[in-house]
Amino acid sequence: MAAVCGWSVVLTGLLPALVLCAPGTRFGAPLILQCVVLAHTGGALARVLTDTRVRLAALGFWLFSYVWLGLAPLAMLATGVYPHEYRADDTTAFAATALTELGLLAYSAGAALAGRRAGSDRPVLLEPLLARRLAPVPVLLLSGLALALGAVLVPRLGGVDAFFSSRQAVRQTGGAKDSTHALVIWSVAVPAFWALLALLHLRRVSTPGDRLLRGLRLLLLPLLAGLNVIVNNPVSRPRFWAGTVLLVLLCTTRRFGGPRAFRRTAAALTAAVLLVFPYGDYFRYDQRQAVHVVSPADQFTTNMDYDAYQQMQTGIDYARETGFTPSAALGPLLFAVPRSVWPGKPEDTGVGLAEWAGYTFTNLSAPLWIESYLWAGVPAVVAVFCLLGAAGRRMDDVRERLRDRPATLALLLVPAFAFYQLVFLRGSLMGVVGPLFLLLALPLLITTRAARGSPGSLVRAVAHPHRPHPILRNRRHP
């Protein structure tokens, strides 16, 4: 309880006070409601940071919500300063804040409903899925594929030097469109990451050909480590993705798999997001700019990385003028369909909002809150965040139950999804769904179902140790 109170004081008292201490604070209904959002997100994050269980999915969601939709909007509403030129009135600002809180409440409700079913005997989809284990042959094939892709694509993307120069240098290589070029980069970065992660955990899977497997693993590990240093380093890759790679590699080790290590890692991550992340774009462009340390309020109100709340305001005004577009929800689901086949394919929401607002720079975010709102209004927001909350809670629960079973998807996939949430929640979906698909689909190809028994029944045996396993319950004793 003392730890929860301590974190709550810091997150809902000390840090907001540092933001509000700026001169000329403007008080009004939007700011008061934003304080409610801040209390909700800060309290939820405090509970995650002090929990006796490992709650990775909850950490990713509440950390993003607290920083990008809690502290940052508080600074904008208090000062009247925003990262972009567009300005909305107080009615729109209040609506954007209310929409934020609505999504948070729906997420909490979905997580609570999933928690009530945690002790149920009824198996669910995620349990057998996350109980899948690494399969040696597919892992070795993916490793070979990743190395082949690296050998072919890295030279076409400017060579090794470009990957240690800047993100701009990598983006400007080749003559393809930006979306195609980005997909090419992701097609080597994500397989390289999964191949390395799987090889690191493959030693915990016993197979008949252990000697051959060990030899191939020792041969491939340094090659894949080197490839990841090239294609997944923080110089040429987005900070969110480079951070995801590093955190997943860290949190899937035995030493960092327990609750105590999780609390320390989560606290360090929270501090890094607040203090280090704003200055992590030093390598974005070829022309380096001097790093200037500014106050939290100035950082939140001038840095385009924190434009999520302002984009929500823009989206609400956009919906008032143009209405909702339910067909836009098909865009992320059918992202792989080329525009030559689907001429009416939805545009990137962040780009569309930027163009509507008259910006010259259009590569902006569109948080999941406004993305789902533009589909069908408030009901879409409630449905999306209820499902997200239920899925996150279920993933955390299943990972906790299976954490002693080595080389499972519960151990590997849940951290990857949890930390990539910061990208997914920030949006736009059309820009992140391709990498997300690779991130979630590749591990399914390198794993196989649990060898014995039903994964669901095995999970329930862990969750209810006082209940005999079905196989043992039906056995007759002499």
Protein backbone atom coordinates (compact mmCIF):
# COMPACT_ATOMS: atom_id res chain seq x y z
CA MET A 1 0.00 0.00 0.00
CA ALA A 2 2.84 2.39 0.81
CA ALA A 3 4.38 1.81 -2.62
CA VAL A 4 1.05 2.48 -4.35
CA CYS A 5 0.61 5.69 -2.39
CA GLY A 6 4.15 6.78 -3.15
CA TRP A 7 3.81 6.26 -6.89
CA SER A 8 0.36 7.89 -6.85
CA VAL A 9 1.78 11.01 -5.20
CA VAL A 10 4.53 11.22 -7.83
CA LEU A 11 2.32 10.50 -10.85
CA THR A 12 -0.82 12.41 -9.87
CA GLY A 13 0.72 15.13 -7.69
CA LEU A 14 4.37 15.94 -8.21
CA LEU A 15 4.67 15.61 -12.00
CA PRO A 16 1.39 17.46 -12.76
CA ALA A 17 2.53 20.23 -10.39
CA LEU A 18 5.73 20.61 -12.42
CA VAL A 19 3.60 20.99 -15.56
CA LEU A 20 1.11 23.43 -14.01
CA CYS A 21 3.74 25.64 -12.38
CA ALA A 22 4.27 27.46 -15.69
CA PRO A 23 3.12 31.11 -15.52
CA GLY A 24 -0.21 32.07 -17.07
CA THR A 25 -2.07 28.81 -16.39
CA ARG A 26 -5.53 28.87 -17.99
CA PHE A 27 -8.25 27.19 -15.94
CA GLY A 28 -11.51 25.95 -17.44
CA ALA A 29 -13.79 22.95 -17.88
CA PRO A 30 -11.41 21.08 -20.25
CA LEU A 31 -8.52 21.42 -17.78
CA ILE A 32 -10.67 20.22 -14.86
CA LEU A 33 -11.79 17.16 -16.82
CA GLN A 34 -8.20 16.56 -17.88
CA CYS A 35 -7.26 16.35 -14.20
CA VAL A 36 -9.75 13.47 -13.94
CA VAL A 37 -8.04 11.74 -16.88
CA LEU A 38 -4.67 12.30 -15.23
CA ALA A 39 -5.88 10.85 -11.92
CA HIS A 40 -7.29 7.81 -13.75
CA THR A 41 -4.16 7.11 -15.79
CA GLY A 42 -1.75 7.94 -12.96
CA GLY A 43 -3.58 5.75 -10.47
CA ALA A 44 -3.77 2.84 -12.91
CA LEU A 45 -0.07 3.15 -13.78
CA ALA A 46 0.80 3.27 -10.08
CA ARG A 47 -1.06 0.00 -9.52
CA VAL A 48 0.81 -1.63 -12.40
CA LEU A 49 4.18 -0.41 -11.10
CA THR A 50 3.51 -1.94 -7.68
CA ASP A 51 1.63 -5.10 -8.65
CA THR A 52 2.79 -8.46 -7.36
CA ARG A 53 2.17 -9.91 -10.84
CA VAL A 54 3.90 -9.22 -14.14
CA ARG A 55 1.46 -7.06 -16.14
CA LEU A 56 3.27 -6.17 -19.36
CA ALA A 57 0.23 -5.42 -21.53
CA ALA A 58 -1.26 -3.20 -18.85
CA LEU A 59 2.08 -1.39 -18.48
CA GLY A 60 2.25 -0.54 -22.18
CA PHE A 61 -1.31 0.80 -22.28
CA TRP A 62 -1.26 2.86 -19.10
CA LEU A 63 2.21 4.26 -19.72
CA PHE A 64 1.14 5.62 -23.11
CA SER A 65 -2.15 6.91 -21.74
CA TYR A 66 -0.48 8.66 -18.81
CA VAL A 67 2.24 10.44 -20.78
CA TRP A 68 0.61 11.14 -24.17
CA LEU A 69 -3.01 11.63 -23.08
CA GLY A 70 -2.51 12.60 -19.43
CA LEU A 71 0.48 14.86 -18.86
CA ALA A 72 0.87 16.25 -22.40
CA PRO A 73 -2.76 17.46 -22.75
CA LEU A 74 -2.55 18.93 -19.24
CA ALA A 75 0.35 21.11 -20.36
CA MET A 76 -1.43 22.12 -23.59
CA LEU A 77 -4.68 23.04 -21.88
CA ALA A 78 -2.90 24.91 -19.09
CA THR A 79 -0.74 27.02 -21.39
CA GLY A 80 -2.82 27.21 -24.56
CA VAL A 81 0.26 26.19 -26.58
CA TYR A 82 0.13 23.23 -28.99
CA PRO A 83 2.71 21.53 -31.25
CA HIS A 84 0.82 22.42 -34.48
CA GLU A 85 -0.92 25.50 -35.84
CA TYR A 86 -4.51 24.24 -35.71
CA ARG A 87 -6.58 25.58 -32.81
CA ALA A 88 -9.88 24.19 -31.57
CA ASP A 89 -12.31 25.88 -29.20
CA ASP A 90 -13.03 24.86 -25.61
CA THR A 91 -16.04 22.78 -26.66
CA THR A 92 -13.84 20.62 -28.88
CA ALA A 93 -11.14 20.43 -26.21
CA PHE A 94 -13.70 19.23 -23.66
CA ALA A 95 -15.04 16.66 -26.13
CA ALA A 96 -11.52 15.36 -26.84
CA THR A 97 -10.81 14.98 -23.13
CA ALA A 98 -14.16 13.25 -22.57
CA LEU A 99 -13.40 10.89 -25.45
CA THR A 100 -10.07 10.03 -23.85
CA GLU A 101 -11.72 9.21 -20.54
CA LEU A 102 -14.41 7.18 -22.28
CA GLY A 103 -11.76 4.98 -23.90
CA LEU A 104 -9.98 4.55 -20.57
CA LEU A 105 -13.20 3.53 -18.82
CA ALA A 106 -14.01 1.06 -21.59
CA TYR A 107 -10.51 -0.43 -21.37
CA SER A 108 -10.83 -0.79 -17.58
CA ALA A 109 -14.25 -2.41 -17.97
CA GLY A 110 -12.95 -4.88 -20.56
CA ALA A 111 -10.01 -5.79 -18.34
CA ALA A 112 -12.29 -6.25 -15.31
CA LEU A 113 -14.65 -8.53 -17.24
CA ALA A 114 -11.72 -10.62 -18.49
CA GLY A 115 -10.37 -10.80 -14.93
CA ARG A 116 -13.65 -12.20 -13.65
CA ARG A 117 -13.32 -15.06 -16.14
CA ALA A 118 -9.69 -15.73 -15.23
CA GLY A 119 -10.63 -18.57 -12.90
CA SER A 120 -13.16 -20.14 -15.26
CA ASP A 121 -12.72 -23.71 -16.46
CA ARG A 122 -13.86 -22.74 -19.97
CA PRO A 123 -10.84 -22.64 -22.32
CA VAL A 124 -10.41 -19.50 -24.42
CA LEU A 125 -8.66 -18.81 -27.68
CA LEU A 126 -5.56 -17.15 -26.23
CA GLU A 127 -4.62 -20.02 -23.89
CA PRO A 128 -3.83 -22.68 -26.50
CA LEU A 129 -2.36 -20.01 -28.77
CA LEU A 130 0.08 -18.66 -26.18
CA ALA A 131 0.95 -22.19 -25.03
CA ARG A 132 2.61 -22.93 -28.40
CA ARG A 133 6.34 -23.68 -28.16
CA LEU A 134 9.28 -22.91 -30.40
CA ALA A 135 9.96 -25.51 -33.09
CA PRO A 136 13.67 -25.91 -33.98
CA VAL A 137 13.38 -26.43 -37.74
CA PRO A 138 11.13 -23.40 -38.43
CA VAL A 139 13.36 -21.26 -36.20
CA LEU A 140 16.44 -22.27 -38.18
CA LEU A 141 14.62 -21.63 -41.46
CA LEU A 142 13.57 -18.16 -40.28
CA SER A 143 17.15 -17.46 -39.21
CA GLY A 144 18.42 -18.37 -42.67
CA LEU A 145 15.70 -16.27 -44.30
CA ALA A 146 16.51 -13.25 -42.12
CA LEU A 147 20.21 -13.47 -42.99
CA ALA A 148 19.40 -13.82 -46.70
CA LEU A 149 17.08 -10.80 -46.58
CA GLY A 150 19.75 -8.82 -44.80
CA ALA A 151 22.39 -9.74 -47.37
CA VAL A 152 20.11 -8.68 -50.25
CA LEU A 153 18.27 -5.67 -48.83
CA VAL A 154 20.82 -3.89 -46.63
CA PRO A 155 23.01 -2.93 -49.65
CA ARG A 156 19.89 -1.73 -51.51
CA LEU A 157 18.93 0.44 -48.53
CA GLY A 158 22.19 2.35 -48.61
CA GLY A 159 24.52 -0.18 -47.03
CA VAL A 160 25.70 -0.50 -43.45
CA ASP A 161 26.89 3.12 -43.31
CA ALA A 162 23.36 4.43 -43.94
CA PHE A 163 21.99 2.44 -40.99
CA PHE A 164 24.47 4.18 -38.69
CA SER A 165 23.94 7.62 -40.18
CA SER A 166 20.31 8.67 -39.63
CA ARG A 167 16.73 7.64 -40.30
CA GLN A 168 16.64 10.19 -43.09
CA ALA A 169 19.58 8.54 -44.85
CA VAL A 170 17.83 5.16 -44.88
CA ARG A 171 14.49 6.62 -46.01
CA GLN A 172 16.04 8.48 -48.93
CA THR A 173 17.68 5.43 -50.51
CA GLY A 174 16.00 3.78 -53.49
CA GLY A 175 13.31 5.11 -55.76
CA ALA A 176 10.24 3.40 -54.33
CA LYS A 177 7.33 5.17 -52.67
CA ASP A 178 7.61 5.91 -48.97
CA SER A 179 5.10 3.20 -47.98
CA THR A 180 6.82 0.56 -50.14
CA HIS A 181 10.24 1.62 -48.92
CA ALA A 182 9.14 1.39 -45.29
CA LEU A 183 7.69 -2.08 -45.87
CA VAL A 184 11.02 -3.23 -47.33
CA ILE A 185 12.84 -2.04 -44.21
CA TRP A 186 10.34 -3.73 -41.91
CA SER A 187 10.59 -6.95 -43.93
CA VAL A 188 14.19 -7.35 -42.82
CA ALA A 189 13.99 -5.75 -39.36
CA VAL A 190 11.14 -7.85 -37.93
CA PRO A 191 12.38 -11.29 -39.13
CA ALA A 192 15.86 -10.46 -37.85
CA PHE A 193 14.42 -9.61 -34.43
CA TRP A 194 12.28 -12.75 -34.16
CA ALA A 195 15.06 -15.01 -35.42
CA LEU A 196 17.48 -13.71 -32.78
CA LEU A 197 14.91 -13.89 -29.99
CA ALA A 198 13.87 -17.43 -30.94
CA LEU A 199 17.47 -18.66 -31.18
CA LEU A 200 18.24 -17.27 -27.73
CA HIS A 201 15.39 -19.35 -26.28
CA LEU A 202 15.79 -22.41 -28.47
CA ARG A 203 18.36 -23.88 -26.09
CA ARG A 204 15.52 -24.44 -23.62
CA VAL A 205 13.78 -26.82 -26.03
CA SER A 206 15.11 -30.38 -25.99
CA THR A 207 15.07 -32.28 -29.28
CA PRO A 208 16.63 -35.55 -30.54
CA GLY A 209 19.21 -33.65 -32.62
CA ASP A 210 20.54 -31.53 -29.76
CA ARG A 211 24.19 -31.66 -30.86
CA LEU A 212 23.43 -30.49 -34.40
CA LEU A 213 21.01 -27.90 -33.08
CA ARG A 214 23.60 -26.49 -30.68
CA GLY A 215 26.13 -26.25 -33.48
CA LEU A 216 23.79 -24.43 -35.83
CA ARG A 217 22.62 -22.17 -33.03
CA LEU A 218 26.17 -21.16 -32.09
CA LEU A 219 26.89 -20.48 -35.74
CA LEU A 220 23.80 -18.36 -36.37
CA LEU A 221 23.65 -16.39 -33.11
CA PRO A 222 26.59 -14.01 -33.78
CA LEU A 223 25.44 -13.47 -37.36
CA LEU A 224 21.91 -12.57 -36.27
CA ALA A 225 23.19 -10.41 -33.42
CA GLY A 226 25.25 -8.46 -35.92
CA LEU A 227 22.32 -8.14 -38.32
CA ASN A 228 20.11 -6.78 -35.53
CA VAL A 229 22.74 -4.24 -34.56
CA ILE A 230 22.58 -3.00 -38.15
CA VAL A 231 18.83 -3.04 -38.90
CA ASN A 232 17.34 -2.51 -35.42
CA ASN A 233 19.64 0.10 -33.90
CA PRO A 234 18.22 3.36 -32.43
CA VAL A 235 20.16 5.50 -34.92
CA SER A 236 18.24 4.53 -38.06
CA ARG A 237 15.07 2.97 -36.62
CA PRO A 238 12.17 4.67 -34.81
CA ARG A 239 12.67 5.02 -31.06
CA PHE A 240 9.49 3.06 -30.32
CA TRP A 241 10.69 0.08 -32.35
CA ALA A 242 14.30 0.09 -31.15
CA GLY A 243 13.00 0.30 -27.59
CA THR A 244 10.61 -2.59 -28.21
CA VAL A 245 13.46 -4.79 -29.46
CA LEU A 246 15.69 -4.02 -26.48
CA LEU A 247 12.92 -4.39 -23.90
CA VAL A 248 11.66 -7.70 -25.28
CA LEU A 249 15.19 -9.14 -25.34
CA LEU A 250 15.57 -8.02 -21.73
CA CYS A 251 12.16 -9.01 -20.32
CA THR A 252 12.18 -12.52 -21.81
CA THR A 253 15.26 -13.55 -19.83
CA ARG A 254 14.85 -15.59 -16.66
CA ARG A 255 16.42 -12.90 -14.49
CA PHE A 256 13.87 -10.28 -15.52
CA GLY A 257 10.83 -12.57 -15.69
CA GLY A 258 9.72 -12.29 -12.05
CA PRO A 259 7.49 -9.68 -10.37
CA ARG A 260 10.30 -7.90 -8.51
CA ALA A 261 12.43 -7.50 -11.62
CA PHE A 262 9.34 -6.41 -13.55
CA ARG A 263 8.62 -3.62 -11.07
CA ARG A 264 12.18 -2.34 -11.33
CA THR A 265 12.17 -2.53 -15.12
CA ALA A 266 8.77 -0.84 -15.33
CA ALA A 267 9.94 2.00 -13.06
CA ALA A 268 13.08 2.47 -15.15
CA LEU A 269 11.02 2.44 -18.36
CA THR A 270 8.63 5.06 -16.99
CA ALA A 271 11.54 7.31 -16.06
CA ALA A 272 13.17 6.80 -19.46
CA VAL A 273 9.97 7.66 -21.34
CA LEU A 274 9.56 10.84 -19.32
CA LEU A 275 13.19 11.99 -19.28
CA VAL A 276 15.07 10.39 -22.19
CA PHE A 277 12.51 9.78 -24.94
CA PRO A 278 11.98 13.47 -25.85
CA TYR A 279 15.67 13.77 -26.75
CA GLY A 280 15.91 10.44 -28.58
CA ASP A 281 15.28 11.93 -32.03
CA TYR A 282 18.83 13.26 -32.27
CA PHE A 283 19.60 10.87 -35.14
CA ARG A 284 16.39 11.48 -37.10
CA TYR A 285 17.97 13.82 -39.67
CA ASP A 286 21.36 14.10 -41.34
CA GLN A 287 21.81 17.62 -40.00
CA ARG A 288 22.26 17.25 -36.25
CA GLN A 289 20.78 19.91 -34.00
CA ALA A 290 22.06 20.84 -30.57
CA VAL A 291 20.17 19.23 -27.68
CA HIS A 292 18.39 21.78 -25.50
CA VAL A 293 17.01 20.62 -22.17
CA VAL A 294 13.67 22.32 -21.49
CA SER A 295 10.95 22.07 -18.87
CA PRO A 296 8.33 19.30 -19.08
CA ALA A 297 5.62 21.81 -20.03
CA ASP A 298 7.71 23.17 -22.90
CA GLN A 299 8.55 19.68 -24.08
CA PHE A 300 4.93 18.56 -24.15
CA THR A 301 3.66 21.69 -25.92
CA THR A 302 6.33 22.15 -28.60
CA ASN A 303 7.48 18.63 -29.50
CA MET A 304 5.46 17.02 -32.33
CA ASP A 305 5.99 13.61 -30.72
CA TYR A 306 3.23 14.60 -28.26
CA ASP A 307 0.63 15.72 -30.81
CA ALA A 308 -1.82 12.90 -30.01
CA TYR A 309 -4.25 15.07 -28.04
CA GLN A 310 -4.21 17.88 -30.60
CA GLN A 311 -4.88 15.35 -33.36
CA MET A 312 -7.89 14.16 -31.37
CA GLN A 313 -9.21 17.72 -31.29
CA THR A 314 -8.64 18.01 -35.04
CA GLY A 315 -10.41 14.70 -35.62
CA ILE A 316 -13.51 15.76 -33.65
CA ASP A 317 -13.83 18.96 -35.70
CA TYR A 318 -13.24 16.92 -38.85
CA ALA A 319 -16.05 14.50 -37.91
CA ARG A 320 -18.43 17.41 -37.30
CA GLU A 321 -17.82 18.62 -40.83
CA THR A 322 -17.61 15.35 -42.78
CA GLY A 323 -19.35 12.75 -40.58
CA PHE A 324 -18.24 9.22 -39.76
CA THR A 325 -16.73 6.73 -42.21
CA PRO A 326 -17.40 3.10 -41.20
CA SER A 327 -15.69 1.79 -44.33
CA ALA A 328 -12.40 3.27 -43.10
CA ALA A 329 -12.21 0.42 -40.58
CA LEU A 330 -11.53 -1.94 -43.48
CA GLY A 331 -8.30 -0.15 -44.34
CA PRO A 332 -6.17 -1.58 -41.49
CA LEU A 333 -7.76 -5.02 -41.89
CA LEU A 334 -7.01 -5.13 -45.64
CA PHE A 335 -3.79 -3.13 -45.54
CA ALA A 336 -2.02 -5.57 -47.89
CA VAL A 337 -4.44 -4.96 -50.77
CA PRO A 338 -2.68 -2.62 -53.25
CA ARG A 339 -4.40 0.60 -54.28
CA SER A 340 -4.25 -0.50 -57.90
CA VAL A 341 -6.70 -3.27 -56.96
CA TRP A 342 -8.67 -1.17 -54.47
CA PRO A 343 -8.81 2.43 -55.76
CA GLY A 344 -11.03 3.51 -52.86
CA LYS A 345 -8.70 2.18 -50.18
CA PRO A 346 -8.83 4.47 -47.09
CA GLU A 347 -6.02 6.93 -46.59
CA ASP A 348 -3.83 7.17 -43.52
CA THR A 349 -5.92 8.92 -40.84
CA GLY A 350 -3.04 11.02 -39.52
CA VAL A 351 -2.19 12.23 -43.00
CA GLY A 352 -5.86 12.96 -43.74
CA LEU A 353 -6.29 15.03 -40.58
CA ALA A 354 -3.07 16.94 -41.28
CA GLU A 355 -4.20 17.77 -44.82
CA TRP A 356 -7.65 18.84 -43.59
CA ALA A 357 -6.01 21.15 -41.03
CA GLY A 358 -3.79 22.66 -43.74
CA TYR A 359 -0.40 21.42 -42.53
CA THR A 360 2.51 21.13 -44.92
CA PHE A 361 4.03 18.29 -42.85
CA THR A 362 1.54 15.43 -42.87
CA ASN A 363 3.34 12.49 -41.23
CA LEU A 364 1.40 12.88 -37.98
CA SER A 365 -0.19 10.54 -35.47
CA ALA A 366 -3.84 9.56 -35.07
CA PRO A 367 -4.44 7.88 -31.68
CA LEU A 368 -6.65 4.82 -31.55
CA TRP A 369 -9.23 6.92 -29.70
CA ILE A 370 -9.86 9.26 -32.66
CA GLU A 371 -9.24 6.54 -35.24
CA SER A 372 -12.09 4.42 -33.87
CA TYR A 373 -14.25 7.51 -33.26
CA LEU A 374 -14.05 8.44 -36.94
CA TRP A 375 -15.35 4.97 -37.84
CA ALA A 376 -18.67 5.09 -36.00
CA GLY A 377 -18.50 7.54 -33.10
CA VAL A 378 -18.75 6.71 -29.41
CA PRO A 379 -20.00 3.09 -29.82
CA ALA A 380 -16.90 2.23 -31.86
CA VAL A 381 -14.62 3.68 -29.20
CA VAL A 382 -16.33 1.70 -26.44
CA ALA A 383 -16.21 -1.55 -28.43
CA VAL A 384 -12.57 -1.19 -29.49
CA PHE A 385 -11.27 -0.38 -26.03
CA CYS A 386 -13.37 -3.01 -24.28
CA LEU A 387 -11.87 -5.63 -26.59
CA LEU A 388 -8.37 -4.22 -26.12
CA GLY A 389 -8.71 -4.22 -22.34
CA ALA A 390 -10.02 -7.79 -22.29
CA ALA A 391 -7.26 -9.01 -24.63
CA GLY A 392 -4.54 -7.27 -22.62
CA ARG A 393 -5.78 -8.69 -19.32
CA ARG A 394 -6.10 -12.17 -20.77
CA MET A 395 -2.58 -12.06 -22.23
CA ASP A 396 -1.11 -10.93 -18.92
CA ASP A 397 -2.98 -13.66 -17.02
CA VAL A 398 -1.97 -16.44 -19.40
CA ARG A 399 1.66 -15.30 -19.40
CA GLU A 400 1.66 -15.31 -15.61
CA ARG A 401 0.33 -18.87 -15.53
CA LEU A 402 2.78 -20.15 -18.15
CA ARG A 403 5.88 -18.24 -17.10
CA ASP A 404 7.59 -21.41 -15.85
CA ARG A 405 7.12 -23.18 -19.19
CA PRO A 406 10.10 -22.33 -21.42
CA ALA A 407 10.06 -21.11 -25.02
CA THR A 408 6.32 -20.48 -25.25
CA LEU A 409 4.54 -17.70 -27.09
CA ALA A 410 3.35 -16.46 -23.71
CA LEU A 411 6.96 -15.72 -22.82
CA LEU A 412 7.92 -14.16 -26.16
CA LEU A 413 4.86 -12.68 -27.85
CA VAL A 414 3.19 -10.93 -24.91
CA PRO A 415 6.17 -8.61 -24.21
CA ALA A 416 6.46 -7.83 -27.93
CA PHE A 417 2.80 -6.81 -28.15
CA ALA A 418 2.91 -4.99 -24.81
CA PHE A 419 5.73 -2.65 -25.76
CA TYR A 420 4.63 -2.21 -29.37
CA GLN A 421 1.35 -0.88 -27.96
CA LEU A 422 3.02 2.51 -27.66
CA VAL A 423 3.21 2.58 -31.47
CA PHE A 424 -0.19 0.97 -31.98
CA LEU A 425 -2.02 3.36 -29.64
CA ARG A 426 -0.33 6.43 -31.11
CA GLY A 427 -1.26 5.47 -34.69
CA SER A 428 -2.11 5.90 -37.42
CA LEU A 429 -3.22 2.31 -37.89
CA MET A 430 -2.52 2.30 -41.62
CA GLY A 431 1.09 3.16 -40.84
CA VAL A 432 1.66 0.61 -38.07
CA VAL A 433 -0.54 -2.35 -38.98
CA GLY A 434 1.98 -3.78 -41.47
CA PRO A 435 4.81 -4.09 -38.92
CA LEU A 436 2.27 -5.22 -36.31
CA PHE A 437 1.11 -8.03 -38.61
CA LEU A 438 4.70 -9.22 -39.09
CA LEU A 439 5.33 -8.94 -35.36
CA LEU A 440 2.34 -11.15 -34.50
CA ALA A 441 2.32 -13.53 -37.48
CA LEU A 442 5.97 -14.60 -37.64
CA PRO A 443 6.03 -16.26 -34.19
CA LEU A 444 3.05 -18.39 -35.20
CA LEU A 445 5.13 -19.81 -38.05
CA ILE A 446 8.06 -20.82 -35.83
CA THR A 447 6.05 -22.47 -33.05
CA THR A 448 4.05 -25.65 -32.69
CA ARG A 449 1.25 -26.79 -30.42
CA ALA A 450 2.04 -28.17 -26.99
CA ALA A 451 3.07 -31.80 -27.31
CA ARG A 452 0.85 -33.33 -24.63
CA GLY A 453 -2.64 -32.63 -23.41
CA SER A 454 -4.82 -29.65 -24.01
CA PRO A 455 -3.13 -26.30 -23.47
CA GLY A 456 -6.27 -25.00 -21.86
CA SER A 457 -6.41 -27.86 -19.36
CA LEU A 458 -2.72 -27.49 -18.59
CA VAL A 459 -3.22 -23.81 -17.92
CA ARG A 460 -6.13 -24.54 -15.62
CA ALA A 461 -3.99 -27.08 -13.76
CA VAL A 462 -1.52 -24.29 -13.02
CA ALA A 463 -4.28 -21.84 -12.11
CA HIS A 464 -6.04 -24.39 -9.81
CA PRO A 465 -3.41 -26.64 -8.24
CA HIS A 466 -5.98 -28.09 -5.85
CA ARG A 467 -7.93 -29.54 -8.78
CA PRO A 468 -6.53 -32.73 -10.30
CA HIS A 469 -5.60 -32.66 -13.96
CA PRO A 470 -8.25 -34.41 -16.15
CA ILE A 471 -5.75 -37.08 -17.21
CA LEU A 472 -4.97 -37.95 -13.60
CA ARG A 473 -8.53 -37.52 -12.34
CA ASN A 474 -9.84 -40.35 -14.51
CA ARG A 475 -7.02 -42.77 -13.74
CA ARG A 476 -7.96 -45.78 -11.60
CA HIS A 477 -5.77 -46.67 -8.69
CA PRO A 478 -4.99 -50.31 -7.94
